[in-house]
Amino acid sequence: MLSLLADGMLPPNFWAGAVGSLIFGVLGIVLLVLGYWLFDLITPKIDVSGELTKGNTAVAIVIGALLLGIAYIAANVVH
């Protein structure tokens, strides 16, 4: 890998792809945080952070499924 950088043999669109991946990665993380925040907002009777701190496995599974669903949707939108 280091010899590729030293010889200048990177593909011509390498940096554009790297910057695009970085931008879409940050966008995906922002969408995940926004989705978690919206879920916390629309379920006021459940203290999600408090339940996770107590070790409530059921809430952890629901949040995990929520984040996986948001990640799946965001990946398809970005693609």
PDB file of N, CA and C in Angstrom:
ATOM      1  N   MET A   1       0.827  -1.188   0.000  1.00  0.00           N
ATOM      2  CA  MET A   1       0.000   0.000   0.000  1.00  0.00           C
ATOM      3  C   MET A   1       0.871   1.250   0.000  1.00  0.00           C
ATOM      4  N   LEU A   2       1.921   1.231   0.820  1.00  0.00           N
ATOM      5  CA  LEU A   2       2.792   2.396   0.890  1.00  0.00           C
ATOM      6  C   LEU A   2       3.508   2.625  -0.435  1.00  0.00           C
ATOM      7  N   SER A   3       3.849   1.535  -1.121  1.00  0.00           N
ATOM      8  CA  SER A   3       4.521   1.703  -2.412  1.00  0.00           C
ATOM      9  C   SER A   3       3.580   2.303  -3.448  1.00  0.00           C
ATOM     10  N   LEU A   4       2.280   2.017  -3.336  1.00  0.00           N
ATOM     11  CA  LEU A   4       1.320   2.627  -4.253  1.00  0.00           C
ATOM     12  C   LEU A   4       1.271   4.140  -4.061  1.00  0.00           C
ATOM     13  N   LEU A   5       1.321   4.572  -2.804  1.00  0.00           N
ATOM     14  CA  LEU A   5       1.291   6.007  -2.532  1.00  0.00           C
ATOM     15  C   LEU A   5       2.573   6.677  -3.008  1.00  0.00           C
ATOM     16  N   ALA A   6       3.704   5.992  -2.816  1.00  0.00           N
ATOM     17  CA  ALA A   6       4.986   6.569  -3.192  1.00  0.00           C
ATOM     18  C   ALA A   6       5.129   6.668  -4.712  1.00  0.00           C
ATOM     19  N   ASP A   7       4.602   5.700  -5.446  1.00  0.00           N
ATOM     20  CA  ASP A   7       4.748   5.681  -6.897  1.00  0.00           C
ATOM     21  C   ASP A   7       3.697   6.516  -7.600  1.00  0.00           C
ATOM     22  N   GLY A   8       2.709   7.016  -6.878  1.00  0.00           N
ATOM     23  CA  GLY A   8       1.655   7.802  -7.513  1.00  0.00           C
ATOM     24  C   GLY A   8       0.728   6.951  -8.359  1.00  0.00           C
ATOM     25  N   MET A   9       0.530   5.685  -7.964  1.00  0.00           N
ATOM     26  CA  MET A   9      -0.282   4.777  -8.769  1.00  0.00           C
ATOM     27  C   MET A   9      -1.710   4.669  -8.260  1.00  0.00           C
ATOM     28  N   LEU A  10      -2.180   5.670  -7.556  1.00  0.00           N
ATOM     29  CA  LEU A  10      -3.566   5.660  -7.100  1.00  0.00           C
ATOM     30  C   LEU A  10      -4.482   5.883  -8.297  1.00  0.00           C
ATOM     31  N   PRO A  11      -5.663   5.289  -8.252  1.00  0.00           N
ATOM     32  CA  PRO A  11      -6.616   5.546  -9.330  1.00  0.00           C
ATOM     33  C   PRO A  11      -6.962   7.037  -9.381  1.00  0.00           C
ATOM     34  N   PRO A  12      -7.331   7.531 -10.538  1.00  0.00           N
ATOM     35  CA  PRO A  12      -7.589   8.973 -10.661  1.00  0.00           C
ATOM     36  C   PRO A  12      -8.758   9.469  -9.807  1.00  0.00           C
ATOM     37  N   ASN A  13      -9.704   8.613  -9.478  1.00  0.00           N
ATOM     38  CA  ASN A  13     -10.861   9.041  -8.693  1.00  0.00           C
ATOM     39  C   ASN A  13     -10.770   8.612  -7.230  1.00  0.00           C
ATOM     40  N   PHE A  14      -9.570   8.302  -6.763  1.00  0.00           N
ATOM     41  CA  PHE A  14      -9.385   7.821  -5.395  1.00  0.00           C
ATOM     42  C   PHE A  14      -9.840   8.850  -4.369  1.00  0.00           C
ATOM     43  N   TRP A  15      -9.369  10.081  -4.482  1.00  0.00           N
ATOM     44  CA  TRP A  15      -9.679  11.105  -3.477  1.00  0.00           C
ATOM     45  C   TRP A  15     -11.145  11.494  -3.517  1.00  0.00           C
ATOM     46  N   ALA A  16     -11.736  11.522  -4.696  1.00  0.00           N
ATOM     47  CA  ALA A  16     -13.173  11.829  -4.786  1.00  0.00           C
ATOM     48  C   ALA A  16     -13.983  10.743  -4.089  1.00  0.00           C
ATOM     49  N   GLY A  17     -13.592   9.497  -4.253  1.00  0.00           N
ATOM     50  CA  GLY A  17     -14.284   8.400  -3.580  1.00  0.00           C
ATOM     51  C   GLY A  17     -14.088   8.428  -2.080  1.00  0.00           C
ATOM     52  N   ALA A  18     -12.877   8.777  -1.639  1.00  0.00           N
ATOM     53  CA  ALA A  18     -12.603   8.847  -0.203  1.00  0.00           C
ATOM     54  C   ALA A  18     -13.406   9.966   0.453  1.00  0.00           C
ATOM     55  N   VAL A  19     -13.469  11.115  -0.190  1.00  0.00           N
ATOM     56  CA  VAL A  19     -14.236  12.242   0.355  1.00  0.00           C
ATOM     57  C   VAL A  19     -15.725  11.917   0.339  1.00  0.00           C
ATOM     58  N   GLY A  20     -16.203  11.289  -0.719  1.00  0.00           N
ATOM     59  CA  GLY A  20     -17.613  10.893  -0.792  1.00  0.00           C
ATOM     60  C   GLY A  20     -17.972   9.901   0.296  1.00  0.00           C
ATOM     61  N   SER A  21     -17.100   8.940   0.546  1.00  0.00           N
ATOM     62  CA  SER A  21     -17.344   7.968   1.613  1.00  0.00           C
ATOM     63  C   SER A  21     -17.388   8.638   2.972  1.00  0.00           C
ATOM     64  N   LEU A  22     -16.497   9.583   3.201  1.00  0.00           N
ATOM     65  CA  LEU A  22     -16.480  10.309   4.460  1.00  0.00           C
ATOM     66  C   LEU A  22     -17.765  11.118   4.650  1.00  0.00           C
ATOM     67  N   ILE A  23     -18.194  11.801   3.616  1.00  0.00           N
ATOM     68  CA  ILE A  23     -19.418  12.608   3.700  1.00  0.00           C
ATOM     69  C   ILE A  23     -20.630  11.718   3.966  1.00  0.00           C
ATOM     70  N   PHE A  24     -20.760  10.617   3.234  1.00  0.00           N
ATOM     71  CA  PHE A  24     -21.907   9.744   3.430  1.00  0.00           C
ATOM     72  C   PHE A  24     -21.855   9.025   4.767  1.00  0.00           C
ATOM     73  N   GLY A  25     -20.656   8.739   5.268  1.00  0.00           N
ATOM     74  CA  GLY A  25     -20.531   8.148   6.600  1.00  0.00           C
ATOM     75  C   GLY A  25     -21.013   9.095   7.681  1.00  0.00           C
ATOM     76  N   VAL A  26     -20.614  10.351   7.580  1.00  0.00           N
ATOM     77  CA  VAL A  26     -21.071  11.358   8.545  1.00  0.00           C
ATOM     78  C   VAL A  26     -22.579  11.557   8.424  1.00  0.00           C
ATOM     79  N   LEU A  27     -23.090  11.587   7.196  1.00  0.00           N
ATOM     80  CA  LEU A  27     -24.532  11.712   6.991  1.00  0.00           C
ATOM     81  C   LEU A  27     -25.282  10.548   7.628  1.00  0.00           C
ATOM     82  N   GLY A  28     -24.766   9.341   7.499  1.00  0.00           N
ATOM     83  CA  GLY A  28     -25.392   8.169   8.112  1.00  0.00           C
ATOM     84  C   GLY A  28     -25.414   8.264   9.628  1.00  0.00           C
ATOM     85  N   ILE A  29     -24.317   8.725  10.215  1.00  0.00           N
ATOM     86  CA  ILE A  29     -24.266   8.872  11.671  1.00  0.00           C
ATOM     87  C   ILE A  29     -25.256   9.937  12.127  1.00  0.00           C
ATOM     88  N   VAL A  30     -25.348  11.034  11.388  1.00  0.00           N
ATOM     89  CA  VAL A  30     -26.301  12.096  11.733  1.00  0.00           C
ATOM     90  C   VAL A  30     -27.733  11.554  11.661  1.00  0.00           C
ATOM     91  N   LEU A  31     -28.036  10.768  10.647  1.00  0.00           N
ATOM     92  CA  LEU A  31     -29.376  10.199  10.526  1.00  0.00           C
ATOM     93  C   LEU A  31     -29.681   9.234  11.670  1.00  0.00           C
ATOM     94  N   LEU A  32     -28.696   8.457  12.098  1.00  0.00           N
ATOM     95  CA  LEU A  32     -28.904   7.557  13.235  1.00  0.00           C
ATOM     96  C   LEU A  32     -29.182   8.329  14.519  1.00  0.00           C
ATOM     97  N   VAL A  33     -28.421   9.376  14.757  1.00  0.00           N
ATOM     98  CA  VAL A  33     -28.627  10.191  15.959  1.00  0.00           C
ATOM     99  C   VAL A  33     -29.986  10.874  15.902  1.00  0.00           C
ATOM    100  N   LEU A  34     -30.352  11.396  14.744  1.00  0.00           N
ATOM    101  CA  LEU A  34     -31.654  12.040  14.574  1.00  0.00           C
ATOM    102  C   LEU A  34     -32.792  11.044  14.798  1.00  0.00           C
ATOM    103  N   GLY A  35     -32.647   9.833  14.284  1.00  0.00           N
ATOM    104  CA  GLY A  35     -33.666   8.802  14.486  1.00  0.00           C
ATOM    105  C   GLY A  35     -33.817   8.422  15.947  1.00  0.00           C
ATOM    106  N   TYR A  36     -32.711   8.284  16.654  1.00  0.00           N
ATOM    107  CA  TYR A  36     -32.764   7.982  18.087  1.00  0.00           C
ATOM    108  C   TYR A  36     -33.433   9.116  18.841  1.00  0.00           C
ATOM    109  N   TRP A  37     -33.080  10.355  18.496  1.00  0.00           N
ATOM    110  CA  TRP A  37     -33.662  11.521  19.152  1.00  0.00           C
ATOM    111  C   TRP A  37     -35.169  11.584  18.904  1.00  0.00           C
ATOM    112  N   LEU A  38     -35.600  11.332  17.663  1.00  0.00           N
ATOM    113  CA  LEU A  38     -37.037  11.336  17.354  1.00  0.00           C
ATOM    114  C   LEU A  38     -37.773  10.234  18.109  1.00  0.00           C
ATOM    115  N   PHE A  39     -37.178   9.052  18.202  1.00  0.00           N
ATOM    116  CA  PHE A  39     -37.802   7.959  18.947  1.00  0.00           C
ATOM    117  C   PHE A  39     -37.948   8.345  20.413  1.00  0.00           C
ATOM    118  N   ASP A  40     -36.923   8.950  20.970  1.00  0.00           N
ATOM    119  CA  ASP A  40     -36.971   9.389  22.365  1.00  0.00           C
ATOM    120  C   ASP A  40     -38.030  10.477  22.549  1.00  0.00           C
ATOM    121  N   LEU A  41     -38.210  11.314  21.535  1.00  0.00           N
ATOM    122  CA  LEU A  41     -39.189  12.394  21.596  1.00  0.00           C
ATOM    123  C   LEU A  41     -40.624  11.874  21.523  1.00  0.00           C
ATOM    124  N   ILE A  42     -40.870  10.883  20.670  1.00  0.00           N
ATOM    125  CA  ILE A  42     -42.250  10.413  20.487  1.00  0.00           C
ATOM    126  C   ILE A  42     -42.667   9.356  21.510  1.00  0.00           C
ATOM    127  N   THR A  43     -41.745   8.923  22.352  1.00  0.00           N
ATOM    128  CA  THR A  43     -42.087   7.985  23.428  1.00  0.00           C
ATOM    129  C   THR A  43     -41.761   8.613  24.775  1.00  0.00           C
ATOM    130  N   PRO A  44     -42.562   9.617  25.202  1.00  0.00           N
ATOM    131  CA  PRO A  44     -42.222  10.329  26.438  1.00  0.00           C
ATOM    132  C   PRO A  44     -42.414   9.494  27.704  1.00  0.00           C
ATOM    133  N   LYS A  45     -43.212   8.438  27.641  1.00  0.00           N
ATOM    134  CA  LYS A  45     -43.444   7.627  28.837  1.00  0.00           C
ATOM    135  C   LYS A  45     -42.274   6.701  29.149  1.00  0.00           C
ATOM    136  N   ILE A  46     -41.391   6.522  28.179  1.00  0.00           N
ATOM    137  CA  ILE A  46     -40.249   5.631  28.366  1.00  0.00           C
ATOM    138  C   ILE A  46     -38.985   6.482  28.483  1.00  0.00           C
ATOM    139  N   ASP A  47     -38.289   6.354  29.591  1.00  0.00           N
ATOM    140  CA  ASP A  47     -36.996   7.014  29.753  1.00  0.00           C
ATOM    141  C   ASP A  47     -35.935   6.063  29.191  1.00  0.00           C
ATOM    142  N   VAL A  48     -35.676   6.219  27.906  1.00  0.00           N
ATOM    143  CA  VAL A  48     -34.803   5.279  27.201  1.00  0.00           C
ATOM    144  C   VAL A  48     -33.413   5.254  27.821  1.00  0.00           C
ATOM    145  N   SER A  49     -32.830   6.416  28.037  1.00  0.00           N
ATOM    146  CA  SER A  49     -31.480   6.466  28.602  1.00  0.00           C
ATOM    147  C   SER A  49     -31.441   5.853  29.997  1.00  0.00           C
ATOM    148  N   GLY A  50     -32.461   6.142  30.793  1.00  0.00           N
ATOM    149  CA  GLY A  50     -32.518   5.583  32.141  1.00  0.00           C
ATOM    150  C   GLY A  50     -32.667   4.078  32.134  1.00  0.00           C
ATOM    151  N   GLU A  51     -33.520   3.581  31.251  1.00  0.00           N
ATOM    152  CA  GLU A  51     -33.720   2.136  31.162  1.00  0.00           C
ATOM    153  C   GLU A  51     -32.460   1.429  30.670  1.00  0.00           C
ATOM    154  N   LEU A  52     -31.756   2.047  29.733  1.00  0.00           N
ATOM    155  CA  LEU A  52     -30.513   1.443  29.253  1.00  0.00           C
ATOM    156  C   LEU A  52     -29.451   1.440  30.353  1.00  0.00           C
ATOM    157  N   THR A  53     -29.432   2.497  31.159  1.00  0.00           N
ATOM    158  CA  THR A  53     -28.486   2.562  32.271  1.00  0.00           C
ATOM    159  C   THR A  53     -28.768   1.478  33.304  1.00  0.00           C
ATOM    160  N   LYS A  54     -30.060   1.169  33.504  1.00  0.00           N
ATOM    161  CA  LYS A  54     -30.450   0.121  34.459  1.00  0.00           C
ATOM    162  C   LYS A  54     -30.168  -1.278  33.909  1.00  0.00           C
ATOM    163  N   GLY A  55     -29.885  -1.381  32.621  1.00  0.00           N
ATOM    164  CA  GLY A  55     -29.602  -2.687  32.030  1.00  0.00           C
ATOM    165  C   GLY A  55     -30.831  -3.384  31.495  1.00  0.00           C
ATOM    166  N   ASN A  56     -31.856  -2.645  31.108  1.00  0.00           N
ATOM    167  CA  ASN A  56     -33.090  -3.215  30.574  1.00  0.00           C
ATOM    168  C   ASN A  56     -32.819  -3.773  29.175  1.00  0.00           C
ATOM    169  N   THR A  57     -32.796  -5.089  29.072  1.00  0.00           N
ATOM    170  CA  THR A  57     -32.457  -5.751  27.815  1.00  0.00           C
ATOM    171  C   THR A  57     -33.520  -5.534  26.750  1.00  0.00           C
ATOM    172  N   ALA A  58     -34.776  -5.491  27.136  1.00  0.00           N
ATOM    173  CA  ALA A  58     -35.856  -5.308  26.165  1.00  0.00           C
ATOM    174  C   ALA A  58     -35.743  -3.953  25.469  1.00  0.00           C
ATOM    175  N   VAL A  59     -35.463  -2.911  26.229  1.00  0.00           N
ATOM    176  CA  VAL A  59     -35.299  -1.585  25.635  1.00  0.00           C
ATOM    177  C   VAL A  59     -34.057  -1.563  24.744  1.00  0.00           C
ATOM    178  N   ALA A  60     -33.008  -2.241  25.148  1.00  0.00           N
ATOM    179  CA  ALA A  60     -31.790  -2.300  24.336  1.00  0.00           C
ATOM    180  C   ALA A  60     -32.059  -2.989  22.998  1.00  0.00           C
ATOM    181  N   ILE A  61     -32.864  -4.040  23.008  1.00  0.00           N
ATOM    182  CA  ILE A  61     -33.195  -4.741  21.760  1.00  0.00           C
ATOM    183  C   ILE A  61     -34.033  -3.852  20.857  1.00  0.00           C
ATOM    184  N   VAL A  62     -34.991  -3.136  21.436  1.00  0.00           N
ATOM    185  CA  VAL A  62     -35.830  -2.228  20.637  1.00  0.00           C
ATOM    186  C   VAL A  62     -34.973  -1.116  20.023  1.00  0.00           C
ATOM    187  N   ILE A  63     -34.084  -0.520  20.801  1.00  0.00           N
ATOM    188  CA  ILE A  63     -33.214   0.536  20.282  1.00  0.00           C
ATOM    189  C   ILE A  63     -32.270  -0.018  19.216  1.00  0.00           C
ATOM    190  N   GLY A  64     -31.749  -1.207  19.437  1.00  0.00           N
ATOM    191  CA  GLY A  64     -30.891  -1.832  18.429  1.00  0.00           C
ATOM    192  C   GLY A  64     -31.623  -2.073  17.127  1.00  0.00           C
ATOM    193  N   ALA A  65     -32.860  -2.569  17.215  1.00  0.00           N
ATOM    194  CA  ALA A  65     -33.667  -2.793  16.010  1.00  0.00           C
ATOM    195  C   ALA A  65     -33.986  -1.468  15.325  1.00  0.00           C
ATOM    196  N   LEU A  66     -34.271  -0.442  16.114  1.00  0.00           N
ATOM    197  CA  LEU A  66     -34.538   0.885  15.558  1.00  0.00           C
ATOM    198  C   LEU A  66     -33.324   1.402  14.792  1.00  0.00           C
ATOM    199  N   LEU A  67     -32.149   1.309  15.386  1.00  0.00           N
ATOM    200  CA  LEU A  67     -30.940   1.801  14.728  1.00  0.00           C
ATOM    201  C   LEU A  67     -30.595   0.987  13.484  1.00  0.00           C
ATOM    202  N   LEU A  68     -30.803  -0.316  13.536  1.00  0.00           N
ATOM    203  CA  LEU A  68     -30.570  -1.138  12.337  1.00  0.00           C
ATOM    204  C   LEU A  68     -31.536  -0.767  11.214  1.00  0.00           C
ATOM    205  N   GLY A  69     -32.790  -0.520  11.570  1.00  0.00           N
ATOM    206  CA  GLY A  69     -33.774  -0.112  10.566  1.00  0.00           C
ATOM    207  C   GLY A  69     -33.425   1.225   9.942  1.00  0.00           C
ATOM    208  N   ILE A  70     -33.026   2.183  10.769  1.00  0.00           N
ATOM    209  CA  ILE A  70     -32.640   3.493  10.247  1.00  0.00           C
ATOM    210  C   ILE A  70     -31.396   3.371   9.365  1.00  0.00           C
ATOM    211  N   ALA A  71     -30.444   2.565   9.794  1.00  0.00           N
ATOM    212  CA  ALA A  71     -29.225   2.370   9.008  1.00  0.00           C
ATOM    213  C   ALA A  71     -29.534   1.725   7.659  1.00  0.00           C
ATOM    214  N   TYR A  72     -30.458   0.784   7.626  1.00  0.00           N
ATOM    215  CA  TYR A  72     -30.843   0.133   6.377  1.00  0.00           C
ATOM    216  C   TYR A  72     -31.489   1.143   5.420  1.00  0.00           C
ATOM    217  N   ILE A  73     -32.397   1.949   5.960  1.00  0.00           N
ATOM    218  CA  ILE A  73     -33.076   2.957   5.137  1.00  0.00           C
ATOM    219  C   ILE A  73     -32.073   3.995   4.638  1.00  0.00           C
ATOM    220  N   ALA A  74     -31.209   4.474   5.533  1.00  0.00           N
ATOM    221  CA  ALA A  74     -30.219   5.487   5.138  1.00  0.00           C
ATOM    222  C   ALA A  74     -29.269   4.936   4.082  1.00  0.00           C
ATOM    223  N   ALA A  75     -28.863   3.687   4.198  1.00  0.00           N
ATOM    224  CA  ALA A  75     -27.968   3.091   3.207  1.00  0.00           C
ATOM    225  C   ALA A  75     -28.627   3.009   1.831  1.00  0.00           C
ATOM    226  N   ASN A  76     -29.899   2.677   1.813  1.00  0.00           N
ATOM    227  CA  ASN A  76     -30.611   2.612   0.535  1.00  0.00           C
ATOM    228  C   ASN A  76     -30.867   3.997  -0.053  1.00  0.00           C
ATOM    229  N   VAL A  77     -31.080   4.987   0.788  1.00  0.00           N
ATOM    230  CA  VAL A  77     -31.278   6.341   0.291  1.00  0.00           C
ATOM    231  C   VAL A  77     -29.969   6.888  -0.287  1.00  0.00           C
ATOM    232  N   VAL A  78     -28.873   6.647   0.402  1.00  0.00           N
ATOM    233  CA  VAL A  78     -27.576   7.149  -0.053  1.00  0.00           C
ATOM    234  C   VAL A  78     -27.122   6.414  -1.304  1.00  0.00           C
ATOM    235  N   HIS A  79     -27.415   5.159  -1.389  1.00  0.00           N
ATOM    236  CA  HIS A  79     -26.982   4.348  -2.538  1.00  0.00           C
ATOM    237  C   HIS A  79     -27.668   4.853  -3.773  1.00  0.00           C
TER     238      HIS A  79
END
